[in-house]
C-alpha cells in the first residue's frame, strides 16, 4: 500500500512541475517603453540633444551616415520559451536637426 501512495505522490509532483514550467513569461527587448514615452511626450517642449537621448534610452540600434536619423526597436513577447507570441513589435525613428531632436516616429509591425 505504501508503494502505491509514493507512486501517486510522484505522479502528482511531476504533473505540478510540468504545469508550472508551462506558465507564460513576458520577454522584453530593445529600449524601455517608459523612457521612450517620456521623450515622445516632451521632445517638443524640451530640446533633447543626441547626448541626452543616449543618456535616457541608450545608443541607437542603427544610425544614418549623417547621424541625423537614429533607429531603435521595442519588442514584447509572451509565452513559454519555445512558443512565444508577439504582443507588439515597434520601430522608433528619431530625427535630429542641428544636434536637437526634432521628430519622433513610431512604426508598429504586426
PDB file of N, CA and C in Angstrom:
ATOM      1  N   UNK A   1       0.815  -1.195   0.000  1.00  0.00           N
ATOM      2  CA  UNK A   1       0.000   0.000   0.000  1.00  0.00           C
ATOM      3  C   UNK A   1       0.865   1.269   0.000  1.00  0.00           C
ATOM      4  N   UNK A   2       1.971   1.253   0.724  1.00  0.00           N
ATOM      5  CA  UNK A   2       2.855   2.416   0.776  1.00  0.00           C
ATOM      6  C   UNK A   2       3.475   2.704  -0.583  1.00  0.00           C
ATOM      7  N   UNK A   3       3.768   1.686  -1.365  1.00  0.00           N
ATOM      8  CA  UNK A   3       4.355   1.871  -2.680  1.00  0.00           C
ATOM      9  C   UNK A   3       3.367   2.596  -3.591  1.00  0.00           C
ATOM     10  N   UNK A   4       2.086   2.289  -3.504  1.00  0.00           N
ATOM     11  CA  UNK A   4       1.075   2.963  -4.321  1.00  0.00           C
ATOM     12  C   UNK A   4       0.940   4.436  -3.937  1.00  0.00           C
ATOM     13  N   UNK A   5       1.034   4.734  -2.648  1.00  0.00           N
ATOM     14  CA  UNK A   5       0.962   6.137  -2.215  1.00  0.00           C
ATOM     15  C   UNK A   5       2.154   6.928  -2.727  1.00  0.00           C
ATOM     16  N   UNK A   6       3.335   6.338  -2.632  1.00  0.00           N
ATOM     17  CA  UNK A   6       4.537   7.006  -3.128  1.00  0.00           C
ATOM     18  C   UNK A   6       4.418   7.239  -4.626  1.00  0.00           C
ATOM     19  N   UNK A   7       3.902   6.257  -5.339  1.00  0.00           N
ATOM     20  CA  UNK A   7       3.724   6.377  -6.785  1.00  0.00           C
ATOM     21  C   UNK A   7       2.745   7.497  -7.120  1.00  0.00           C
ATOM     22  N   UNK A   8       1.646   7.602  -6.373  1.00  0.00           N
ATOM     23  CA  UNK A   8       0.657   8.669  -6.606  1.00  0.00           C
ATOM     24  C   UNK A   8       1.261  10.044  -6.308  1.00  0.00           C
ATOM     25  N   UNK A   9       2.038  10.142  -5.221  1.00  0.00           N
ATOM     26  CA  UNK A   9       2.687  11.412  -4.899  1.00  0.00           C
ATOM     27  C   UNK A   9       3.683  11.814  -5.984  1.00  0.00           C
ATOM     28  N   UNK A  10       4.430  10.833  -6.475  1.00  0.00           N
ATOM     29  CA  UNK A  10       5.390  11.093  -7.531  1.00  0.00           C
ATOM     30  C   UNK A  10       4.701  11.613  -8.786  1.00  0.00           C
ATOM     31  N   UNK A  11       3.583  11.002  -9.156  1.00  0.00           N
ATOM     32  CA  UNK A  11       2.825  11.449 -10.331  1.00  0.00           C
ATOM     33  C   UNK A  11       2.266  12.851 -10.096  1.00  0.00           C
ATOM     34  N   UNK A  12       1.738  13.126  -8.915  1.00  0.00           N
ATOM     35  CA  UNK A  12       1.177  14.447  -8.609  1.00  0.00           C
ATOM     36  C   UNK A  12       2.253  15.530  -8.662  1.00  0.00           C
ATOM     37  N   UNK A  13       3.414  15.248  -8.099  1.00  0.00           N
ATOM     38  CA  UNK A  13       4.504  16.227  -8.111  1.00  0.00           C
ATOM     39  C   UNK A  13       5.009  16.445  -9.536  1.00  0.00           C
ATOM     40  N   UNK A  14       5.112  15.386 -10.306  1.00  0.00           N
ATOM     41  CA  UNK A  14       5.557  15.505 -11.708  1.00  0.00           C
ATOM     42  C   UNK A  14       4.588  16.346 -12.522  1.00  0.00           C
ATOM     43  N   UNK A  15       3.297  16.116 -12.346  1.00  0.00           N
ATOM     44  CA  UNK A  15       2.287  16.908 -13.070  1.00  0.00           C
ATOM     45  C   UNK A  15       2.353  18.379 -12.668  1.00  0.00           C
ATOM     46  N   UNK A  16       2.532  18.638 -11.377  1.00  0.00           N
ATOM     47  CA  UNK A  16       2.617  20.022 -10.907  1.00  0.00           C
ATOM     48  C   UNK A  16       3.840  20.722 -11.511  1.00  0.00           C
ATOM     49  N   UNK A  17       4.971  20.045 -11.551  1.00  0.00           N
ATOM     50  CA  UNK A  17       6.177  20.640 -12.136  1.00  0.00           C
ATOM     51  C   UNK A  17       5.992  20.934 -13.614  1.00  0.00           C
ATOM     52  N   UNK A  18       5.347  20.042 -14.327  1.00  0.00           N
ATOM     53  CA  UNK A  18       5.095  20.260 -15.755  1.00  0.00           C
ATOM     54  C   UNK A  18       4.186  21.459 -15.964  1.00  0.00           C
ATOM     55  N   UNK A  19       3.132  21.572 -15.163  1.00  0.00           N
ATOM     56  CA  UNK A  19       2.214  22.711 -15.297  1.00  0.00           C
ATOM     57  C   UNK A  19       2.900  24.030 -14.966  1.00  0.00           C
ATOM     58  N   UNK A  20       3.719  24.060 -13.917  1.00  0.00           N
ATOM     59  CA  UNK A  20       4.419  25.296 -13.557  1.00  0.00           C
ATOM     60  C   UNK A  20       5.451  25.681 -14.602  1.00  0.00           C
ATOM     61  N   UNK A  21       6.076  24.722 -15.241  1.00  0.00           N
ATOM     62  CA  UNK A  21       7.079  25.042 -16.255  1.00  0.00           C
ATOM     63  C   UNK A  21       6.450  25.597 -17.529  1.00  0.00           C
ATOM     64  N   UNK A  22       5.158  25.395 -17.713  1.00  0.00           N
ATOM     65  CA  UNK A  22       4.470  25.901 -18.898  1.00  0.00           C
ATOM     66  C   UNK A  22       3.832  27.261 -18.671  1.00  0.00           C
ATOM     67  N   UNK A  23       4.097  27.900 -17.538  1.00  0.00           N
ATOM     68  CA  UNK A  23       3.489  29.194 -17.273  1.00  0.00           C
ATOM     69  C   UNK A  23       4.026  30.225 -18.254  1.00  0.00           C
ATOM     70  N   UNK A  24       3.225  31.227 -18.537  1.00  0.00           N
ATOM     71  CA  UNK A  24       3.607  32.247 -19.514  1.00  0.00           C
ATOM     72  C   UNK A  24       4.521  33.276 -18.870  1.00  0.00           C
ATOM     73  N   UNK A  25       5.596  33.569 -19.551  1.00  0.00           N
ATOM     74  CA  UNK A  25       6.522  34.615 -19.143  1.00  0.00           C
ATOM     75  C   UNK A  25       6.442  35.744 -20.158  1.00  0.00           C
ATOM     76  N   UNK A  26       6.860  36.929 -19.758  1.00  0.00           N
ATOM     77  CA  UNK A  26       6.883  38.075 -20.651  1.00  0.00           C
ATOM     78  C   UNK A  26       8.340  38.401 -20.948  1.00  0.00           C
ATOM     79  N   UNK A  27       8.653  38.578 -22.234  1.00  0.00           N
ATOM     80  CA  UNK A  27      10.009  38.858 -22.685  1.00  0.00           C
ATOM     81  C   UNK A  27      10.047  40.230 -23.342  1.00  0.00           C
ATOM     82  N   UNK A  28      10.989  41.081 -22.916  1.00  0.00           N
ATOM     83  CA  UNK A  28      11.178  42.408 -23.499  1.00  0.00           C
ATOM     84  C   UNK A  28      12.539  42.459 -24.176  1.00  0.00           C
ATOM     85  N   UNK A  29      12.616  43.220 -25.245  1.00  0.00           N
ATOM     86  CA  UNK A  29      13.915  43.526 -25.832  1.00  0.00           C
ATOM     87  C   UNK A  29      13.841  44.924 -26.424  1.00  0.00           C
ATOM     88  N   UNK A  30      14.979  45.555 -26.547  1.00  0.00           N
ATOM     89  CA  UNK A  30      15.022  46.915 -27.067  1.00  0.00           C
ATOM     90  C   UNK A  30      15.035  47.929 -25.946  1.00  0.00           C
ATOM     91  N   UNK A  31      14.613  49.135 -26.242  1.00  0.00           N
ATOM     92  CA  UNK A  31      14.646  50.226 -25.265  1.00  0.00           C
ATOM     93  C   UNK A  31      13.449  50.150 -24.330  1.00  0.00           C
ATOM     94  N   UNK A  32      13.556  50.819 -23.211  1.00  0.00           N
ATOM     95  CA  UNK A  32      12.477  50.883 -22.241  1.00  0.00           C
ATOM     96  C   UNK A  32      11.314  51.694 -22.809  1.00  0.00           C
ATOM     97  N   UNK A  33      10.131  51.134 -22.734  1.00  0.00           N
ATOM     98  CA  UNK A  33       8.962  51.833 -23.269  1.00  0.00           C
ATOM     99  C   UNK A  33       8.654  53.095 -22.461  1.00  0.00           C
ATOM    100  N   UNK A  34       8.873  53.055 -21.162  1.00  0.00           N
ATOM    101  CA  UNK A  34       8.616  54.237 -20.333  1.00  0.00           C
ATOM    102  C   UNK A  34       9.548  55.386 -20.700  1.00  0.00           C
ATOM    103  N   UNK A  35      10.808  55.084 -20.930  1.00  0.00           N
ATOM    104  CA  UNK A  35      11.769  56.126 -21.327  1.00  0.00           C
ATOM    105  C   UNK A  35      11.405  56.711 -22.683  1.00  0.00           C
ATOM    106  N   UNK A  36      11.019  55.838 -23.611  1.00  0.00           N
ATOM    107  CA  UNK A  36      10.630  56.328 -24.928  1.00  0.00           C
ATOM    108  C   UNK A  36       9.399  57.219 -24.838  1.00  0.00           C
ATOM    109  N   UNK A  37       8.404  56.815 -24.043  1.00  0.00           N
ATOM    110  CA  UNK A  37       7.186  57.628 -23.899  1.00  0.00           C
ATOM    111  C   UNK A  37       7.500  58.989 -23.296  1.00  0.00           C
ATOM    112  N   UNK A  38       8.453  59.036 -22.371  1.00  0.00           N
ATOM    113  CA  UNK A  38       8.871  60.319 -21.785  1.00  0.00           C
ATOM    114  C   UNK A  38       9.429  61.243 -22.860  1.00  0.00           C
ATOM    115  N   UNK A  39      10.278  60.701 -23.721  1.00  0.00           N
ATOM    116  CA  UNK A  39      10.859  61.507 -24.801  1.00  0.00           C
ATOM    117  C   UNK A  39       9.785  61.922 -25.791  1.00  0.00           C
ATOM    118  N   UNK A  40       8.921  60.997 -26.141  1.00  0.00           N
ATOM    119  CA  UNK A  40       7.867  61.271 -27.126  1.00  0.00           C
ATOM    120  C   UNK A  40       6.928  62.389 -26.653  1.00  0.00           C
ATOM    121  N   UNK A  41       6.618  62.405 -25.375  1.00  0.00           N
ATOM    122  CA  UNK A  41       5.708  63.410 -24.830  1.00  0.00           C
ATOM    123  C   UNK A  41       6.369  64.779 -24.645  1.00  0.00           C
ATOM    124  N   UNK A  42       7.687  64.803 -24.437  1.00  0.00           N
ATOM    125  CA  UNK A  42       8.350  66.053 -24.055  1.00  0.00           C
ATOM    126  C   UNK A  42       9.302  66.639 -25.092  1.00  0.00           C
ATOM    127  N   UNK A  43       9.524  65.974 -26.216  1.00  0.00           N
ATOM    128  CA  UNK A  43      10.564  66.447 -27.130  1.00  0.00           C
ATOM    129  C   UNK A  43      10.231  67.803 -27.759  1.00  0.00           C
ATOM    130  N   UNK A  44       8.958  68.163 -27.833  1.00  0.00           N
ATOM    131  CA  UNK A  44       8.610  69.469 -28.404  1.00  0.00           C
ATOM    132  C   UNK A  44       8.798  70.598 -27.395  1.00  0.00           C
ATOM    133  N   UNK A  45       8.749  70.260 -26.107  1.00  0.00           N
ATOM    134  CA  UNK A  45       8.950  71.260 -25.056  1.00  0.00           C
ATOM    135  C   UNK A  45      10.412  71.373 -24.652  1.00  0.00           C
ATOM    136  N   UNK A  46      11.096  70.237 -24.648  1.00  0.00           N
ATOM    137  CA  UNK A  46      12.491  70.185 -24.212  1.00  0.00           C
ATOM    138  C   UNK A  46      13.362  69.893 -25.433  1.00  0.00           C
ATOM    139  N   UNK A  47      14.405  70.671 -25.621  1.00  0.00           N
ATOM    140  CA  UNK A  47      15.325  70.437 -26.731  1.00  0.00           C
ATOM    141  C   UNK A  47      16.332  69.368 -26.342  1.00  0.00           C
ATOM    142  N   UNK A  48      15.992  68.112 -26.638  1.00  0.00           N
ATOM    143  CA  UNK A  48      16.894  66.998 -26.326  1.00  0.00           C
ATOM    144  C   UNK A  48      18.039  66.958 -27.326  1.00  0.00           C
ATOM    145  N   UNK A  49      19.259  66.875 -26.824  1.00  0.00           N
ATOM    146  CA  UNK A  49      20.418  66.707 -27.700  1.00  0.00           C
ATOM    147  C   UNK A  49      20.663  65.205 -27.901  1.00  0.00           C
ATOM    148  N   UNK A  50      21.596  64.877 -28.773  1.00  0.00           N
ATOM    149  CA  UNK A  50      21.934  63.473 -29.004  1.00  0.00           C
ATOM    150  C   UNK A  50      22.488  62.837 -27.735  1.00  0.00           C
ATOM    151  N   UNK A  51      23.267  63.611 -26.977  1.00  0.00           N
ATOM    152  CA  UNK A  51      23.810  63.086 -25.719  1.00  0.00           C
ATOM    153  C   UNK A  51      22.702  62.824 -24.698  1.00  0.00           C
ATOM    154  N   UNK A  52      21.688  63.683 -24.658  1.00  0.00           N
ATOM    155  CA  UNK A  52      20.550  63.468 -23.758  1.00  0.00           C
ATOM    156  C   UNK A  52      19.830  62.167 -24.108  1.00  0.00           C
ATOM    157  N   UNK A  53      19.624  61.931 -25.396  1.00  0.00           N
ATOM    158  CA  UNK A  53      18.926  60.707 -25.832  1.00  0.00           C
ATOM    159  C   UNK A  53      19.753  59.481 -25.482  1.00  0.00           C
ATOM    160  N   UNK A  54      21.063  59.550 -25.677  1.00  0.00           N
ATOM    161  CA  UNK A  54      21.931  58.422 -25.307  1.00  0.00           C
ATOM    162  C   UNK A  54      21.855  58.141 -23.814  1.00  0.00           C
ATOM    163  N   UNK A  55      21.761  59.188 -23.019  1.00  0.00           N
ATOM    164  CA  UNK A  55      21.674  59.021 -21.570  1.00  0.00           C
ATOM    165  C   UNK A  55      20.338  58.398 -21.167  1.00  0.00           C
ATOM    166  N   UNK A  56      19.250  58.812 -21.811  1.00  0.00           N
ATOM    167  CA  UNK A  56      17.916  58.352 -21.419  1.00  0.00           C
ATOM    168  C   UNK A  56      17.616  56.941 -21.936  1.00  0.00           C
ATOM    169  N   UNK A  57      17.833  56.692 -23.230  1.00  0.00           N
ATOM    170  CA  UNK A  57      17.462  55.377 -23.783  1.00  0.00           C
ATOM    171  C   UNK A  57      18.626  54.603 -24.378  1.00  0.00           C
ATOM    172  N   UNK A  58      19.814  55.167 -24.353  1.00  0.00           N
ATOM    173  CA  UNK A  58      20.984  54.446 -24.822  1.00  0.00           C
ATOM    174  C   UNK A  58      21.286  54.705 -26.286  1.00  0.00           C
ATOM    175  N   UNK A  59      22.362  54.099 -26.774  1.00  0.00           N
ATOM    176  CA  UNK A  59      22.746  54.307 -28.172  1.00  0.00           C
ATOM    177  C   UNK A  59      21.760  53.643 -29.123  1.00  0.00           C
ATOM    178  N   UNK A  60      21.636  54.162 -30.341  1.00  0.00           N
ATOM    179  CA  UNK A  60      20.661  53.597 -31.287  1.00  0.00           C
ATOM    180  C   UNK A  60      21.109  52.251 -31.841  1.00  0.00           C
ATOM    181  N   UNK A  61      20.132  51.512 -32.314  1.00  0.00           N
ATOM    182  CA  UNK A  61      20.407  50.245 -32.985  1.00  0.00           C
ATOM    183  C   UNK A  61      21.069  50.506 -34.329  1.00  0.00           C
ATOM    184  N   UNK A  62      20.567  51.530 -35.055  1.00  0.00           N
ATOM    185  CA  UNK A  62      21.084  51.909 -36.374  1.00  0.00           C
ATOM    186  C   UNK A  62      21.167  53.429 -36.438  1.00  0.00           C
ATOM    187  N   UNK A  63      22.261  53.935 -37.050  1.00  0.00           N
ATOM    188  CA  UNK A  63      22.416  55.371 -37.305  1.00  0.00           C
ATOM    189  C   UNK A  63      22.589  55.578 -38.792  1.00  0.00           C
ATOM    190  N   UNK A  64      21.955  56.611 -39.320  1.00  0.00           N
ATOM    191  CA  UNK A  64      22.179  57.015 -40.698  1.00  0.00           C
ATOM    192  C   UNK A  64      23.585  57.599 -40.793  1.00  0.00           C
ATOM    193  N   UNK A  65      24.182  57.596 -41.987  1.00  0.00           N
ATOM    194  CA  UNK A  65      25.549  58.103 -42.160  1.00  0.00           C
ATOM    195  C   UNK A  65      25.716  59.532 -41.661  1.00  0.00           C
ATOM    196  N   UNK A  66      24.734  60.380 -41.873  1.00  0.00           N
ATOM    197  CA  UNK A  66      24.817  61.766 -41.406  1.00  0.00           C
ATOM    198  C   UNK A  66      24.561  61.869 -39.900  1.00  0.00           C
ATOM    199  N   UNK A  67      24.166  60.768 -39.286  1.00  0.00           N
ATOM    200  CA  UNK A  67      23.842  60.674 -37.856  1.00  0.00           C
ATOM    201  C   UNK A  67      22.672  61.553 -37.455  1.00  0.00           C
ATOM    202  N   UNK A  68      21.805  61.891 -38.403  1.00  0.00           N
ATOM    203  CA  UNK A  68      20.606  62.665 -38.086  1.00  0.00           C
ATOM    204  C   UNK A  68      19.357  61.806 -37.982  1.00  0.00           C
ATOM    205  N   UNK A  69      19.473  60.522 -38.284  1.00  0.00           N
ATOM    206  CA  UNK A  69      18.359  59.590 -38.147  1.00  0.00           C
ATOM    207  C   UNK A  69      18.834  58.423 -37.306  1.00  0.00           C
ATOM    208  N   UNK A  70      18.182  58.236 -36.150  1.00  0.00           N
ATOM    209  CA  UNK A  70      18.508  57.129 -35.255  1.00  0.00           C
ATOM    210  C   UNK A  70      17.313  56.198 -35.197  1.00  0.00           C
ATOM    211  N   UNK A  71      17.579  54.895 -35.199  1.00  0.00           N
ATOM    212  CA  UNK A  71      16.511  53.905 -35.177  1.00  0.00           C
ATOM    213  C   UNK A  71      16.685  53.003 -33.960  1.00  0.00           C
ATOM    214  N   UNK A  72      15.584  52.829 -33.237  1.00  0.00           N
ATOM    215  CA  UNK A  72      15.539  51.958 -32.068  1.00  0.00           C
ATOM    216  C   UNK A  72      14.452  50.911 -32.284  1.00  0.00           C
ATOM    217  N   UNK A  73      14.407  49.936 -31.392  1.00  0.00           N
ATOM    218  CA  UNK A  73      13.424  48.871 -31.500  1.00  0.00           C
ATOM    219  C   UNK A  73      12.889  48.529 -30.113  1.00  0.00           C
ATOM    220  N   UNK A  74      11.576  48.247 -30.050  1.00  0.00           N
ATOM    221  CA  UNK A  74      10.933  47.751 -28.830  1.00  0.00           C
ATOM    222  C   UNK A  74      10.178  46.497 -29.217  1.00  0.00           C
ATOM    223  N   UNK A  75      10.344  45.437 -28.432  1.00  0.00           N
ATOM    224  CA  UNK A  75       9.697  44.173 -28.725  1.00  0.00           C
ATOM    225  C   UNK A  75       9.199  43.576 -27.413  1.00  0.00           C
ATOM    226  N   UNK A  76       7.960  43.101 -27.402  1.00  0.00           N
ATOM    227  CA  UNK A  76       7.414  42.462 -26.207  1.00  0.00           C
ATOM    228  C   UNK A  76       6.736  41.174 -26.647  1.00  0.00           C
ATOM    229  N   UNK A  77       7.150  40.069 -26.018  1.00  0.00           N
ATOM    230  CA  UNK A  77       6.580  38.764 -26.338  1.00  0.00           C
ATOM    231  C   UNK A  77       6.121  38.088 -25.060  1.00  0.00           C
ATOM    232  N   UNK A  78       5.157  37.187 -25.202  1.00  0.00           N
ATOM    233  CA  UNK A  78       4.621  36.467 -24.063  1.00  0.00           C
ATOM    234  C   UNK A  78       4.527  34.993 -24.413  1.00  0.00           C
ATOM    235  N   UNK A  79       4.780  34.138 -23.457  1.00  0.00           N
ATOM    236  CA  UNK A  79       4.654  32.706 -23.674  1.00  0.00           C
ATOM    237  C   UNK A  79       5.805  31.952 -23.054  1.00  0.00           C
ATOM    238  N   UNK A  80       5.838  30.658 -23.327  1.00  0.00           N
ATOM    239  CA  UNK A  80       6.941  29.850 -22.843  1.00  0.00           C
ATOM    240  C   UNK A  80       8.106  30.008 -23.813  1.00  0.00           C
ATOM    241  N   UNK A  81       9.258  29.538 -23.414  1.00  0.00           N
ATOM    242  CA  UNK A  81      10.470  29.772 -24.211  1.00  0.00           C
ATOM    243  C   UNK A  81      10.351  29.245 -25.633  1.00  0.00           C
ATOM    244  N   UNK A  82       9.694  28.115 -25.809  1.00  0.00           N
ATOM    245  CA  UNK A  82       9.603  27.513 -27.146  1.00  0.00           C
ATOM    246  C   UNK A  82       8.519  28.155 -28.008  1.00  0.00           C
ATOM    247  N   UNK A  83       7.453  28.646 -27.393  1.00  0.00           N
ATOM    248  CA  UNK A  83       6.321  29.189 -28.144  1.00  0.00           C
ATOM    249  C   UNK A  83       5.999  30.582 -27.633  1.00  0.00           C
ATOM    250  N   UNK A  84       6.639  31.589 -28.240  1.00  0.00           N
ATOM    251  CA  UNK A  84       6.404  32.979 -27.843  1.00  0.00           C
ATOM    252  C   UNK A  84       5.449  33.635 -28.830  1.00  0.00           C
ATOM    253  N   UNK A  85       4.543  34.427 -28.286  1.00  0.00           N
ATOM    254  CA  UNK A  85       3.598  35.180 -29.106  1.00  0.00           C
ATOM    255  C   UNK A  85       3.942  36.660 -28.983  1.00  0.00           C
ATOM    256  N   UNK A  86       4.079  37.340 -30.109  1.00  0.00           N
ATOM    257  CA  UNK A  86       4.432  38.753 -30.103  1.00  0.00           C
ATOM    258  C   UNK A  86       3.233  39.589 -29.674  1.00  0.00           C
ATOM    259  N   UNK A  87       3.428  40.399 -28.657  1.00  0.00           N
ATOM    260  CA  UNK A  87       2.395  41.326 -28.201  1.00  0.00           C
ATOM    261  C   UNK A  87       2.502  42.620 -28.997  1.00  0.00           C
ATOM    262  N   UNK A  88       3.705  43.145 -29.121  1.00  0.00           N
ATOM    263  CA  UNK A  88       3.932  44.263 -30.023  1.00  0.00           C
ATOM    264  C   UNK A  88       5.384  44.268 -30.479  1.00  0.00           C
ATOM    265  N   UNK A  89       5.594  44.849 -31.646  1.00  0.00           N
ATOM    266  CA  UNK A  89       6.908  44.961 -32.262  1.00  0.00           C
ATOM    267  C   UNK A  89       6.958  46.342 -32.915  1.00  0.00           C
ATOM    268  N   UNK A  90       7.735  47.237 -32.337  1.00  0.00           N
ATOM    269  CA  UNK A  90       7.761  48.622 -32.818  1.00  0.00           C
ATOM    270  C   UNK A  90       9.169  49.024 -33.225  1.00  0.00           C
ATOM    271  N   UNK A  91       9.237  49.883 -34.215  1.00  0.00           N
ATOM    272  CA  UNK A  91      10.481  50.536 -34.607  1.00  0.00           C
ATOM    273  C   UNK A  91      10.309  52.022 -34.325  1.00  0.00           C
ATOM    274  N   UNK A  92      11.327  52.616 -33.746  1.00  0.00           N
ATOM    275  CA  UNK A  92      11.276  54.022 -33.357  1.00  0.00           C
ATOM    276  C   UNK A  92      12.286  54.796 -34.181  1.00  0.00           C
ATOM    277  N   UNK A  93      11.827  55.854 -34.843  1.00  0.00           N
ATOM    278  CA  UNK A  93      12.699  56.694 -35.659  1.00  0.00           C
ATOM    279  C   UNK A  93      12.793  58.069 -35.019  1.00  0.00           C
ATOM    280  N   UNK A  94      14.015  58.448 -34.675  1.00  0.00           N
ATOM    281  CA  UNK A  94      14.269  59.768 -34.106  1.00  0.00           C
ATOM    282  C   UNK A  94      15.082  60.561 -35.118  1.00  0.00           C
ATOM    283  N   UNK A  95      14.576  61.735 -35.476  1.00  0.00           N
ATOM    284  CA  UNK A  95      15.263  62.582 -36.451  1.00  0.00           C
ATOM    285  C   UNK A  95      15.795  63.828 -35.749  1.00  0.00           C
ATOM    286  N   UNK A  96      17.063  64.126 -36.030  1.00  0.00           N
ATOM    287  CA  UNK A  96      17.738  65.265 -35.423  1.00  0.00           C
ATOM    288  C   UNK A  96      18.026  66.330 -36.474  1.00  0.00           C
ATOM    289  N   UNK A  97      18.059  67.577 -36.005  1.00  0.00           N
ATOM    290  CA  UNK A  97      18.442  68.704 -36.845  1.00  0.00           C
ATOM    291  C   UNK A  97      19.304  69.615 -35.984  1.00  0.00           C
ATOM    292  N   UNK A  98      20.542  69.853 -36.406  1.00  0.00           N
ATOM    293  CA  UNK A  98      21.496  70.652 -35.636  1.00  0.00           C
ATOM    294  C   UNK A  98      21.678  70.102 -34.216  1.00  0.00           C
ATOM    295  N   UNK A  99      21.797  68.782 -34.105  1.00  0.00           N
ATOM    296  CA  UNK A  99      22.037  68.073 -32.846  1.00  0.00           C
ATOM    297  C   UNK A  99      20.859  68.136 -31.865  1.00  0.00           C
ATOM    298  N   UNK A 100      19.685  68.572 -32.306  1.00  0.00           N
ATOM    299  CA  UNK A 100      18.494  68.661 -31.464  1.00  0.00           C
ATOM    300  C   UNK A 100      17.422  67.734 -32.039  1.00  0.00           C
ATOM    301  N   UNK A 101      16.748  66.991 -31.163  1.00  0.00           N
ATOM    302  CA  UNK A 101      15.685  66.085 -31.592  1.00  0.00           C
ATOM    303  C   UNK A 101      14.502  66.890 -32.110  1.00  0.00           C
ATOM    304  N   UNK A 102      14.100  66.633 -33.345  1.00  0.00           N
ATOM    305  CA  UNK A 102      13.008  67.381 -33.975  1.00  0.00           C
ATOM    306  C   UNK A 102      11.798  66.523 -34.297  1.00  0.00           C
ATOM    307  N   UNK A 103      11.977  65.209 -34.444  1.00  0.00           N
ATOM    308  CA  UNK A 103      10.864  64.364 -34.859  1.00  0.00           C
ATOM    309  C   UNK A 103      10.990  62.987 -34.215  1.00  0.00           C
ATOM    310  N   UNK A 104       9.848  62.471 -33.739  1.00  0.00           N
ATOM    311  CA  UNK A 104       9.775  61.125 -33.167  1.00  0.00           C
ATOM    312  C   UNK A 104       8.660  60.392 -33.890  1.00  0.00           C
ATOM    313  N   UNK A 105       8.993  59.269 -34.476  1.00  0.00           N
ATOM    314  CA  UNK A 105       8.013  58.486 -35.222  1.00  0.00           C
ATOM    315  C   UNK A 105       8.036  57.049 -34.716  1.00  0.00           C
ATOM    316  N   UNK A 106       6.857  56.502 -34.522  1.00  0.00           N
ATOM    317  CA  UNK A 106       6.709  55.139 -34.028  1.00  0.00           C
ATOM    318  C   UNK A 106       6.033  54.307 -35.113  1.00  0.00           C
ATOM    319  N   UNK A 107       6.699  53.249 -35.543  1.00  0.00           N
ATOM    320  CA  UNK A 107       6.146  52.357 -36.568  1.00  0.00           C
ATOM    321  C   UNK A 107       5.887  51.013 -35.924  1.00  0.00           C
ATOM    322  N   UNK A 108       4.657  50.534 -36.041  1.00  0.00           N
ATOM    323  CA  UNK A 108       4.292  49.263 -35.407  1.00  0.00           C
ATOM    324  C   UNK A 108       4.134  48.187 -36.467  1.00  0.00           C
ATOM    325  N   UNK A 109       4.774  47.048 -36.232  1.00  0.00           N
ATOM    326  CA  UNK A 109       4.670  45.900 -37.123  1.00  0.00           C
ATOM    327  C   UNK A 109       3.774  44.852 -36.493  1.00  0.00           C
ATOM    328  N   UNK A 110       3.074  44.098 -37.321  1.00  0.00           N
ATOM    329  CA  UNK A 110       2.196  43.038 -36.786  1.00  0.00           C
ATOM    330  C   UNK A 110       2.960  41.788 -36.503  1.00  0.00           C
TER     331      UNK A 110
END
